[in-house]
Amino acid sequence: MGETLLDLKGLSCPLPVLRANKALRGLAAGERLRVLATDPASVKDFRNYCETTGHALVAFSEAAGVFSFVIQKKADAPS
């Protein structure tokens, strides 16, 4: 399992969530995406996004105005 870094600092809502969603589509189930964002609205946005999509928000932190989110892609639905 790997972790991909997506630096979205400076982008405003809804761009961080939209770009993270696009990046997650390219990952395998169980892989992690670390997103860096500076928009304070992204905290609520990513929590809601993960709750809605079923991806897991496994870590969240903030340092010097930069929010870090680690999202684990959910398992693919069985065919």
PDB file of N, CA and C in Angstrom:
ATOM      1  N   MET A   1       0.850  -1.191   0.000  1.00  0.00           N
ATOM      2  CA  MET A   1       0.000   0.000   0.000  1.00  0.00           C
ATOM      3  C   MET A   1       0.882   1.236   0.000  1.00  0.00           C
ATOM      4  N   GLY A   2       0.586   2.138  -0.905  1.00  0.00           N
ATOM      5  CA  GLY A   2       1.361   3.352  -0.984  1.00  0.00           C
ATOM      6  C   GLY A   2       0.576   4.559  -0.536  1.00  0.00           C
ATOM      7  N   GLU A   3       1.249   5.680  -0.547  1.00  0.00           N
ATOM      8  CA  GLU A   3       0.591   6.952  -0.226  1.00  0.00           C
ATOM      9  C   GLU A   3       0.999   7.959  -1.285  1.00  0.00           C
ATOM     10  N   THR A   4       0.027   8.627  -1.856  1.00  0.00           N
ATOM     11  CA  THR A   4       0.248   9.640  -2.871  1.00  0.00           C
ATOM     12  C   THR A   4       0.045  11.006  -2.246  1.00  0.00           C
ATOM     13  N   LEU A   5       0.908  11.958  -2.563  1.00  0.00           N
ATOM     14  CA  LEU A   5       0.795  13.310  -2.029  1.00  0.00           C
ATOM     15  C   LEU A   5       0.159  14.218  -3.072  1.00  0.00           C
ATOM     16  N   LEU A   6      -0.828  14.983  -2.634  1.00  0.00           N
ATOM     17  CA  LEU A   6      -1.507  15.942  -3.503  1.00  0.00           C
ATOM     18  C   LEU A   6      -1.458  17.301  -2.813  1.00  0.00           C
ATOM     19  N   ASP A   7      -0.661  18.219  -3.347  1.00  0.00           N
ATOM     20  CA  ASP A   7      -0.488  19.550  -2.761  1.00  0.00           C
ATOM     21  C   ASP A   7      -1.485  20.508  -3.394  1.00  0.00           C
ATOM     22  N   LEU A   8      -2.505  20.880  -2.626  1.00  0.00           N
ATOM     23  CA  LEU A   8      -3.557  21.770  -3.124  1.00  0.00           C
ATOM     24  C   LEU A   8      -3.597  23.086  -2.357  1.00  0.00           C
ATOM     25  N   LYS A   9      -2.462  23.447  -1.781  1.00  0.00           N
ATOM     26  CA  LYS A   9      -2.394  24.708  -1.032  1.00  0.00           C
ATOM     27  C   LYS A   9      -2.712  25.881  -1.957  1.00  0.00           C
ATOM     28  N   GLY A  10      -3.499  26.812  -1.446  1.00  0.00           N
ATOM     29  CA  GLY A  10      -3.848  28.002  -2.210  1.00  0.00           C
ATOM     30  C   GLY A  10      -5.150  27.889  -2.982  1.00  0.00           C
ATOM     31  N   LEU A  11      -5.688  26.684  -3.099  1.00  0.00           N
ATOM     32  CA  LEU A  11      -6.959  26.511  -3.804  1.00  0.00           C
ATOM     33  C   LEU A  11      -8.130  26.674  -2.840  1.00  0.00           C
ATOM     34  N   SER A  12      -9.219  27.230  -3.339  1.00  0.00           N
ATOM     35  CA  SER A  12     -10.412  27.451  -2.527  1.00  0.00           C
ATOM     36  C   SER A  12     -11.473  26.412  -2.836  1.00  0.00           C
ATOM     37  N   CYS A  13     -12.377  26.260  -1.895  1.00  0.00           N
ATOM     38  CA  CYS A  13     -13.521  25.363  -2.003  1.00  0.00           C
ATOM     39  C   CYS A  13     -14.258  25.655  -3.314  1.00  0.00           C
ATOM     40  N   PRO A  14     -14.652  24.655  -4.049  1.00  0.00           N
ATOM     41  CA  PRO A  14     -14.622  23.212  -3.799  1.00  0.00           C
ATOM     42  C   PRO A  14     -13.442  22.503  -4.459  1.00  0.00           C
ATOM     43  N   LEU A  15     -12.467  23.240  -4.990  1.00  0.00           N
ATOM     44  CA  LEU A  15     -11.385  22.626  -5.774  1.00  0.00           C
ATOM     45  C   LEU A  15     -10.590  21.555  -5.033  1.00  0.00           C
ATOM     46  N   PRO A  16     -10.223  21.734  -3.756  1.00  0.00           N
ATOM     47  CA  PRO A  16      -9.463  20.658  -3.099  1.00  0.00           C
ATOM     48  C   PRO A  16     -10.198  19.311  -3.110  1.00  0.00           C
ATOM     49  N   VAL A  17     -11.468  19.306  -2.792  1.00  0.00           N
ATOM     50  CA  VAL A  17     -12.226  18.048  -2.767  1.00  0.00           C
ATOM     51  C   VAL A  17     -12.382  17.487  -4.185  1.00  0.00           C
ATOM     52  N   LEU A  18     -12.643  18.337  -5.151  1.00  0.00           N
ATOM     53  CA  LEU A  18     -12.806  17.862  -6.523  1.00  0.00           C
ATOM     54  C   LEU A  18     -11.515  17.239  -7.054  1.00  0.00           C
ATOM     55  N   ARG A  19     -10.389  17.862  -6.781  1.00  0.00           N
ATOM     56  CA  ARG A  19      -9.106  17.327  -7.262  1.00  0.00           C
ATOM     57  C   ARG A  19      -8.723  16.057  -6.508  1.00  0.00           C
ATOM     58  N   ALA A  20      -9.049  16.006  -5.212  1.00  0.00           N
ATOM     59  CA  ALA A  20      -8.782  14.788  -4.440  1.00  0.00           C
ATOM     60  C   ALA A  20      -9.639  13.634  -4.964  1.00  0.00           C
ATOM     61  N   ASN A  21     -10.884  13.915  -5.275  1.00  0.00           N
ATOM     62  CA  ASN A  21     -11.776  12.895  -5.805  1.00  0.00           C
ATOM     63  C   ASN A  21     -11.209  12.314  -7.100  1.00  0.00           C
ATOM     64  N   LYS A  22     -10.727  13.182  -7.968  1.00  0.00           N
ATOM     65  CA  LYS A  22     -10.140  12.736  -9.231  1.00  0.00           C
ATOM     66  C   LYS A  22      -8.903  11.878  -8.975  1.00  0.00           C
ATOM     67  N   ALA A  23      -8.067  12.286  -8.033  1.00  0.00           N
ATOM     68  CA  ALA A  23      -6.854  11.527  -7.718  1.00  0.00           C
ATOM     69  C   ALA A  23      -7.195  10.163  -7.128  1.00  0.00           C
ATOM     70  N   LEU A  24      -8.212  10.106  -6.270  1.00  0.00           N
ATOM     71  CA  LEU A  24      -8.609   8.843  -5.652  1.00  0.00           C
ATOM     72  C   LEU A  24      -9.098   7.838  -6.694  1.00  0.00           C
ATOM     73  N   ARG A  25      -9.727   8.313  -7.744  1.00  0.00           N
ATOM     74  CA  ARG A  25     -10.210   7.414  -8.793  1.00  0.00           C
ATOM     75  C   ARG A  25      -9.065   6.623  -9.429  1.00  0.00           C
ATOM     76  N   GLY A  26      -7.874   7.220  -9.435  1.00  0.00           N
ATOM     77  CA  GLY A  26      -6.714   6.552 -10.030  1.00  0.00           C
ATOM     78  C   GLY A  26      -5.957   5.636  -9.085  1.00  0.00           C
ATOM     79  N   LEU A  27      -6.396   5.547  -7.829  1.00  0.00           N
ATOM     80  CA  LEU A  27      -5.711   4.711  -6.848  1.00  0.00           C
ATOM     81  C   LEU A  27      -6.412   3.367  -6.698  1.00  0.00           C
ATOM     82  N   ALA A  28      -5.660   2.384  -6.251  1.00  0.00           N
ATOM     83  CA  ALA A  28      -6.229   1.064  -5.963  1.00  0.00           C
ATOM     84  C   ALA A  28      -6.888   1.097  -4.591  1.00  0.00           C
ATOM     85  N   ALA A  29      -7.833   0.201  -4.376  1.00  0.00           N
ATOM     86  CA  ALA A  29      -8.503   0.094  -3.077  1.00  0.00           C
ATOM     87  C   ALA A  29      -7.463  -0.096  -1.979  1.00  0.00           C
ATOM     88  N   GLY A  30      -7.631   0.653  -0.892  1.00  0.00           N
ATOM     89  CA  GLY A  30      -6.712   0.552   0.237  1.00  0.00           C
ATOM     90  C   GLY A  30      -5.539   1.509   0.186  1.00  0.00           C
ATOM     91  N   GLU A  31      -5.257   2.079  -0.979  1.00  0.00           N
ATOM     92  CA  GLU A  31      -4.155   3.044  -1.068  1.00  0.00           C
ATOM     93  C   GLU A  31      -4.569   4.344  -0.400  1.00  0.00           C
ATOM     94  N   ARG A  32      -3.570   5.119  -0.022  1.00  0.00           N
ATOM     95  CA  ARG A  32      -3.821   6.364   0.704  1.00  0.00           C
ATOM     96  C   ARG A  32      -3.411   7.587  -0.106  1.00  0.00           C
ATOM     97  N   LEU A  33      -4.186   8.632   0.090  1.00  0.00           N
ATOM     98  CA  LEU A  33      -3.918   9.923  -0.532  1.00  0.00           C
ATOM     99  C   LEU A  33      -3.741  10.943   0.577  1.00  0.00           C
ATOM    100  N   ARG A  34      -2.588  11.618   0.596  1.00  0.00           N
ATOM    101  CA  ARG A  34      -2.361  12.708   1.549  1.00  0.00           C
ATOM    102  C   ARG A  34      -2.602  14.011   0.809  1.00  0.00           C
ATOM    103  N   VAL A  35      -3.533  14.808   1.319  1.00  0.00           N
ATOM    104  CA  VAL A  35      -3.890  16.076   0.697  1.00  0.00           C
ATOM    105  C   VAL A  35      -3.436  17.215   1.609  1.00  0.00           C
ATOM    106  N   LEU A  36      -2.742  18.182   1.034  1.00  0.00           N
ATOM    107  CA  LEU A  36      -2.359  19.396   1.747  1.00  0.00           C
ATOM    108  C   LEU A  36      -3.213  20.534   1.211  1.00  0.00           C
ATOM    109  N   ALA A  37      -3.875  21.253   2.120  1.00  0.00           N
ATOM    110  CA  ALA A  37      -4.757  22.354   1.717  1.00  0.00           C
ATOM    111  C   ALA A  37      -4.639  23.492   2.714  1.00  0.00           C
ATOM    112  N   THR A  38      -4.955  24.703   2.257  1.00  0.00           N
ATOM    113  CA  THR A  38      -4.910  25.869   3.140  1.00  0.00           C
ATOM    114  C   THR A  38      -6.280  26.498   3.360  1.00  0.00           C
ATOM    115  N   ASP A  39      -7.282  26.048   2.635  1.00  0.00           N
ATOM    116  CA  ASP A  39      -8.629  26.595   2.778  1.00  0.00           C
ATOM    117  C   ASP A  39      -9.274  26.034   4.050  1.00  0.00           C
ATOM    118  N   PRO A  40      -9.620  26.887   5.026  1.00  0.00           N
ATOM    119  CA  PRO A  40     -10.237  26.404   6.267  1.00  0.00           C
ATOM    120  C   PRO A  40     -11.529  25.613   6.030  1.00  0.00           C
ATOM    121  N   ALA A  41     -12.246  25.902   4.959  1.00  0.00           N
ATOM    122  CA  ALA A  41     -13.476  25.171   4.645  1.00  0.00           C
ATOM    123  C   ALA A  41     -13.190  23.723   4.265  1.00  0.00           C
ATOM    124  N   SER A  42     -11.954  23.428   3.907  1.00  0.00           N
ATOM    125  CA  SER A  42     -11.618  22.068   3.491  1.00  0.00           C
ATOM    126  C   SER A  42     -11.766  21.059   4.628  1.00  0.00           C
ATOM    127  N   VAL A  43     -11.664  21.512   5.875  1.00  0.00           N
ATOM    128  CA  VAL A  43     -11.807  20.603   7.017  1.00  0.00           C
ATOM    129  C   VAL A  43     -13.198  19.969   6.990  1.00  0.00           C
ATOM    130  N   LYS A  44     -14.209  20.795   6.923  1.00  0.00           N
ATOM    131  CA  LYS A  44     -15.587  20.295   6.871  1.00  0.00           C
ATOM    132  C   LYS A  44     -15.838  19.559   5.557  1.00  0.00           C
ATOM    133  N   ASP A  45     -15.310  20.097   4.470  1.00  0.00           N
ATOM    134  CA  ASP A  45     -15.522  19.496   3.148  1.00  0.00           C
ATOM    135  C   ASP A  45     -14.992  18.065   3.081  1.00  0.00           C
ATOM    136  N   PHE A  46     -13.772  17.833   3.580  1.00  0.00           N
ATOM    137  CA  PHE A  46     -13.197  16.492   3.498  1.00  0.00           C
ATOM    138  C   PHE A  46     -13.889  15.515   4.441  1.00  0.00           C
ATOM    139  N   ARG A  47     -14.312  15.987   5.599  1.00  0.00           N
ATOM    140  CA  ARG A  47     -15.065  15.112   6.511  1.00  0.00           C
ATOM    141  C   ARG A  47     -16.379  14.677   5.851  1.00  0.00           C
ATOM    142  N   ASN A  48     -17.085  15.626   5.264  1.00  0.00           N
ATOM    143  CA  ASN A  48     -18.347  15.301   4.583  1.00  0.00           C
ATOM    144  C   ASN A  48     -18.113  14.409   3.370  1.00  0.00           C
ATOM    145  N   TYR A  49     -17.074  14.704   2.624  1.00  0.00           N
ATOM    146  CA  TYR A  49     -16.754  13.916   1.438  1.00  0.00           C
ATOM    147  C   TYR A  49     -16.515  12.448   1.810  1.00  0.00           C
ATOM    148  N   CYS A  50     -15.712  12.224   2.830  1.00  0.00           N
ATOM    149  CA  CYS A  50     -15.398  10.845   3.232  1.00  0.00           C
ATOM    150  C   CYS A  50     -16.639  10.137   3.766  1.00  0.00           C
ATOM    151  N   GLU A  51     -17.448  10.843   4.530  1.00  0.00           N
ATOM    152  CA  GLU A  51     -18.677  10.262   5.056  1.00  0.00           C
ATOM    153  C   GLU A  51     -19.615   9.860   3.913  1.00  0.00           C
ATOM    154  N   THR A  52     -19.703  10.689   2.902  1.00  0.00           N
ATOM    155  CA  THR A  52     -20.603  10.452   1.778  1.00  0.00           C
ATOM    156  C   THR A  52     -20.112   9.341   0.854  1.00  0.00           C
ATOM    157  N   THR A  53     -18.801   9.293   0.602  1.00  0.00           N
ATOM    158  CA  THR A  53     -18.260   8.348  -0.383  1.00  0.00           C
ATOM    159  C   THR A  53     -17.869   7.002   0.201  1.00  0.00           C
ATOM    160  N   GLY A  54     -17.640   6.950   1.510  1.00  0.00           N
ATOM    161  CA  GLY A  54     -17.208   5.698   2.124  1.00  0.00           C
ATOM    162  C   GLY A  54     -15.705   5.552   2.224  1.00  0.00           C
ATOM    163  N   HIS A  55     -14.944   6.525   1.700  1.00  0.00           N
ATOM    164  CA  HIS A  55     -13.495   6.509   1.897  1.00  0.00           C
ATOM    165  C   HIS A  55     -13.234   6.857   3.366  1.00  0.00           C
ATOM    166  N   ALA A  56     -12.101   6.400   3.888  1.00  0.00           N
ATOM    167  CA  ALA A  56     -11.791   6.631   5.301  1.00  0.00           C
ATOM    168  C   ALA A  56     -10.842   7.812   5.469  1.00  0.00           C
ATOM    169  N   LEU A  57     -11.232   8.754   6.313  1.00  0.00           N
ATOM    170  CA  LEU A  57     -10.334   9.846   6.705  1.00  0.00           C
ATOM    171  C   LEU A  57      -9.530   9.304   7.886  1.00  0.00           C
ATOM    172  N   VAL A  58      -8.315   8.823   7.617  1.00  0.00           N
ATOM    173  CA  VAL A  58      -7.551   8.119   8.640  1.00  0.00           C
ATOM    174  C   VAL A  58      -6.660   9.041   9.466  1.00  0.00           C
ATOM    175  N   ALA A  59      -6.396  10.243   8.969  1.00  0.00           N
ATOM    176  CA  ALA A  59      -5.586  11.184   9.734  1.00  0.00           C
ATOM    177  C   ALA A  59      -5.894  12.603   9.289  1.00  0.00           C
ATOM    178  N   PHE A  60      -5.816  13.508  10.252  1.00  0.00           N
ATOM    179  CA  PHE A  60      -6.009  14.925   9.989  1.00  0.00           C
ATOM    180  C   PHE A  60      -5.109  15.701  10.933  1.00  0.00           C
ATOM    181  N   SER A  61      -4.440  16.714  10.403  1.00  0.00           N
ATOM    182  CA  SER A  61      -3.632  17.581  11.259  1.00  0.00           C
ATOM    183  C   SER A  61      -3.586  18.974  10.630  1.00  0.00           C
ATOM    184  N   GLU A  62      -3.132  19.931  11.440  1.00  0.00           N
ATOM    185  CA  GLU A  62      -2.991  21.310  10.971  1.00  0.00           C
ATOM    186  C   GLU A  62      -1.719  21.867  11.564  1.00  0.00           C
ATOM    187  N   ALA A  63      -0.917  22.513  10.746  1.00  0.00           N
ATOM    188  CA  ALA A  63       0.313  23.147  11.204  1.00  0.00           C
ATOM    189  C   ALA A  63       0.565  24.376  10.353  1.00  0.00           C
ATOM    190  N   ALA A  64       0.703  25.509  11.011  1.00  0.00           N
ATOM    191  CA  ALA A  64       1.016  26.771  10.343  1.00  0.00           C
ATOM    192  C   ALA A  64       0.051  27.084   9.205  1.00  0.00           C
ATOM    193  N   GLY A  65      -1.237  26.796   9.414  1.00  0.00           N
ATOM    194  CA  GLY A  65      -2.245  27.120   8.417  1.00  0.00           C
ATOM    195  C   GLY A  65      -2.375  26.128   7.275  1.00  0.00           C
ATOM    196  N   VAL A  66      -1.637  25.019   7.345  1.00  0.00           N
ATOM    197  CA  VAL A  66      -1.729  23.983   6.317  1.00  0.00           C
ATOM    198  C   VAL A  66      -2.427  22.765   6.930  1.00  0.00           C
ATOM    199  N   PHE A  67      -3.503  22.369   6.302  1.00  0.00           N
ATOM    200  CA  PHE A  67      -4.264  21.209   6.746  1.00  0.00           C
ATOM    201  C   PHE A  67      -3.776  19.983   5.972  1.00  0.00           C
ATOM    202  N   SER A  68      -3.592  18.890   6.687  1.00  0.00           N
ATOM    203  CA  SER A  68      -3.158  17.642   6.069  1.00  0.00           C
ATOM    204  C   SER A  68      -4.233  16.586   6.323  1.00  0.00           C
ATOM    205  N   PHE A  69      -4.695  15.977   5.247  1.00  0.00           N
ATOM    206  CA  PHE A  69      -5.718  14.937   5.323  1.00  0.00           C
ATOM    207  C   PHE A  69      -5.145  13.668   4.706  1.00  0.00           C
ATOM    208  N   VAL A  70      -5.299  12.538   5.387  1.00  0.00           N
ATOM    209  CA  VAL A  70      -4.921  11.266   4.800  1.00  0.00           C
ATOM    210  C   VAL A  70      -6.206  10.475   4.605  1.00  0.00           C
ATOM    211  N   ILE A  71      -6.476  10.164   3.341  1.00  0.00           N
ATOM    212  CA  ILE A  71      -7.710   9.476   2.971  1.00  0.00           C
ATOM    213  C   ILE A  71      -7.335   8.106   2.397  1.00  0.00           C
ATOM    214  N   GLN A  72      -7.966   7.066   2.939  1.00  0.00           N
ATOM    215  CA  GLN A  72      -7.750   5.722   2.421  1.00  0.00           C
ATOM    216  C   GLN A  72      -8.920   5.350   1.526  1.00  0.00           C
ATOM    217  N   LYS A  73      -8.577   4.959   0.310  1.00  0.00           N
ATOM    218  CA  LYS A  73      -9.627   4.609  -0.653  1.00  0.00           C
ATOM    219  C   LYS A  73     -10.371   3.365  -0.197  1.00  0.00           C
ATOM    220  N   LYS A  74     -11.678   3.416  -0.307  1.00  0.00           N
ATOM    221  CA  LYS A  74     -12.507   2.280   0.112  1.00  0.00           C
ATOM    222  C   LYS A  74     -12.287   1.095  -0.819  1.00  0.00           C
ATOM    223  N   ALA A  75     -12.647  -0.070  -0.307  1.00  0.00           N
ATOM    224  CA  ALA A  75     -12.559  -1.284  -1.112  1.00  0.00           C
ATOM    225  C   ALA A  75     -13.563  -1.186  -2.249  1.00  0.00           C
ATOM    226  N   ASP A  76     -13.171  -1.689  -3.390  1.00  0.00           N
ATOM    227  CA  ASP A  76     -14.082  -1.694  -4.537  1.00  0.00           C
ATOM    228  C   ASP A  76     -15.261  -2.614  -4.247  1.00  0.00           C
ATOM    229  N   ALA A  77     -16.405  -2.239  -4.736  1.00  0.00           N
ATOM    230  CA  ALA A  77     -17.609  -3.072  -4.573  1.00  0.00           C
ATOM    231  C   ALA A  77     -17.440  -4.339  -5.386  1.00  0.00           C
ATOM    232  N   PRO A  78     -17.842  -5.487  -4.827  1.00  0.00           N
ATOM    233  CA  PRO A  78     -17.735  -6.731  -5.592  1.00  0.00           C
ATOM    234  C   PRO A  78     -18.621  -6.707  -6.835  1.00  0.00           C
ATOM    235  N   SER A  79     -18.135  -7.332  -7.888  1.00  0.00           N
ATOM    236  CA  SER A  79     -18.899  -7.341  -9.155  1.00  0.00           C
ATOM    237  C   SER A  79     -19.994  -8.376  -9.139  1.00  0.00           C
TER     238      SER A  79
END
